Amino acid sequence: MTKTELRRYCRESGHCTRLSKNRIMLHQDDIEKLILWVRERNAGAAEQEAKHDPFA
């Protein structure tokens, strides 16, 4: 995961503490929550792709 992706995921999920405009802080529990959020997000995208049939 790149720094840009990490910042974007933190902003989308809300699992971080804002220090200033471009700085965030993550606690250990924030990291665990963020990992679970990313896994759930990716699982939902995979299910949608499986249901999509371009020939239907």
C-alpha atoms as a PDB file:
ATOM      1  CA  MET A   1       0.000   0.000   0.000  1.00  0.00           C
ATOM      2  CA  THR A   2       1.397   3.368  -0.946  1.00  0.00           C
ATOM      3  CA  LYS A   3       1.369   6.459   1.279  1.00  0.00           C
ATOM      4  CA  THR A   4      -1.291   8.017  -0.927  1.00  0.00           C
ATOM      5  CA  GLU A   5      -3.542   4.961  -0.688  1.00  0.00           C
ATOM      6  CA  LEU A   6      -3.104   4.859   3.086  1.00  0.00           C
ATOM      7  CA  ARG A   7      -4.127   8.517   3.431  1.00  0.00           C
ATOM      8  CA  ARG A   8      -7.133   8.001   1.133  1.00  0.00           C
ATOM      9  CA  TYR A   9      -8.300   4.888   2.970  1.00  0.00           C
ATOM     10  CA  CYS A  10      -7.941   6.656   6.336  1.00  0.00           C
ATOM     11  CA  ARG A  11     -10.032   9.569   5.110  1.00  0.00           C
ATOM     12  CA  GLU A  12     -12.723   7.322   3.589  1.00  0.00           C
ATOM     13  CA  SER A  13     -12.994   5.003   6.585  1.00  0.00           C
ATOM     14  CA  GLY A  14     -12.459   7.583   9.341  1.00  0.00           C
ATOM     15  CA  HIS A  15     -10.015   5.304  11.193  1.00  0.00           C
ATOM     16  CA  CYS A  16      -7.325   7.866  12.040  1.00  0.00           C
ATOM     17  CA  THR A  17      -6.559  10.961  14.081  1.00  0.00           C
ATOM     18  CA  ARG A  18      -5.990  14.222  12.230  1.00  0.00           C
ATOM     19  CA  LEU A  19      -2.884  16.093  13.382  1.00  0.00           C
ATOM     20  CA  SER A  20      -2.910  18.849  10.769  1.00  0.00           C
ATOM     21  CA  LYS A  21      -3.947  19.432   7.155  1.00  0.00           C
ATOM     22  CA  ASN A  22      -1.769  16.716   5.598  1.00  0.00           C
ATOM     23  CA  ARG A  23      -0.783  14.683   8.651  1.00  0.00           C
ATOM     24  CA  ILE A  24      -2.565  11.786  10.300  1.00  0.00           C
ATOM     25  CA  MET A  25      -1.751   9.542  13.230  1.00  0.00           C
ATOM     26  CA  LEU A  26      -2.643   5.864  13.561  1.00  0.00           C
ATOM     27  CA  HIS A  27      -2.862   3.928  16.823  1.00  0.00           C
ATOM     28  CA  GLN A  28      -2.524   0.148  16.840  1.00  0.00           C
ATOM     29  CA  ASP A  29      -6.309  -0.283  17.104  1.00  0.00           C
ATOM     30  CA  ASP A  30      -6.767   2.142  14.167  1.00  0.00           C
ATOM     31  CA  ILE A  31      -4.463  -0.018  12.058  1.00  0.00           C
ATOM     32  CA  GLU A  32      -6.423  -3.176  12.870  1.00  0.00           C
ATOM     33  CA  LYS A  33      -9.743  -1.462  12.075  1.00  0.00           C
ATOM     34  CA  LEU A  34      -8.348  -0.075   8.824  1.00  0.00           C
ATOM     35  CA  ILE A  35      -7.122  -3.513   7.716  1.00  0.00           C
ATOM     36  CA  LEU A  36     -10.554  -5.010   8.399  1.00  0.00           C
ATOM     37  CA  TRP A  37     -12.219  -2.128   6.515  1.00  0.00           C
ATOM     38  CA  VAL A  38      -9.984  -2.667   3.467  1.00  0.00           C
ATOM     39  CA  ARG A  39     -10.652  -6.416   3.487  1.00  0.00           C
ATOM     40  CA  GLU A  40     -14.435  -5.886   3.682  1.00  0.00           C
ATOM     41  CA  ARG A  41     -14.274  -3.249   0.956  1.00  0.00           C
ATOM     42  CA  ASN A  42     -12.304  -5.547  -1.357  1.00  0.00           C
ATOM     43  CA  ALA A  43     -14.598  -8.495  -0.619  1.00  0.00           C
ATOM     44  CA  GLY A  44     -17.625  -6.400  -1.599  1.00  0.00           C
ATOM     45  CA  ALA A  45     -15.972  -5.382  -4.875  1.00  0.00           C
ATOM     46  CA  ALA A  46     -15.133  -9.013  -5.693  1.00  0.00           C
ATOM     47  CA  GLU A  47     -18.762 -10.069  -5.088  1.00  0.00           C
ATOM     48  CA  GLN A  48     -20.046  -7.336  -7.392  1.00  0.00           C
ATOM     49  CA  GLU A  49     -17.642  -8.402 -10.143  1.00  0.00           C
ATOM     50  CA  ALA A  50     -18.772 -12.013  -9.778  1.00  0.00           C
ATOM     51  CA  LYS A  51     -22.438 -11.012 -10.112  1.00  0.00           C
ATOM     52  CA  HIS A  52     -21.799  -8.804 -13.158  1.00  0.00           C
ATOM     53  CA  ASP A  53     -22.255 -10.728 -16.391  1.00  0.00           C
ATOM     54  CA  PRO A  54     -21.409  -8.621 -19.464  1.00  0.00           C
ATOM     55  CA  PHE A  55     -23.209 -11.092 -21.762  1.00  0.00           C
ATOM     56  CA  ALA A  56     -26.495 -11.107 -19.866  1.00  0.00           C
END
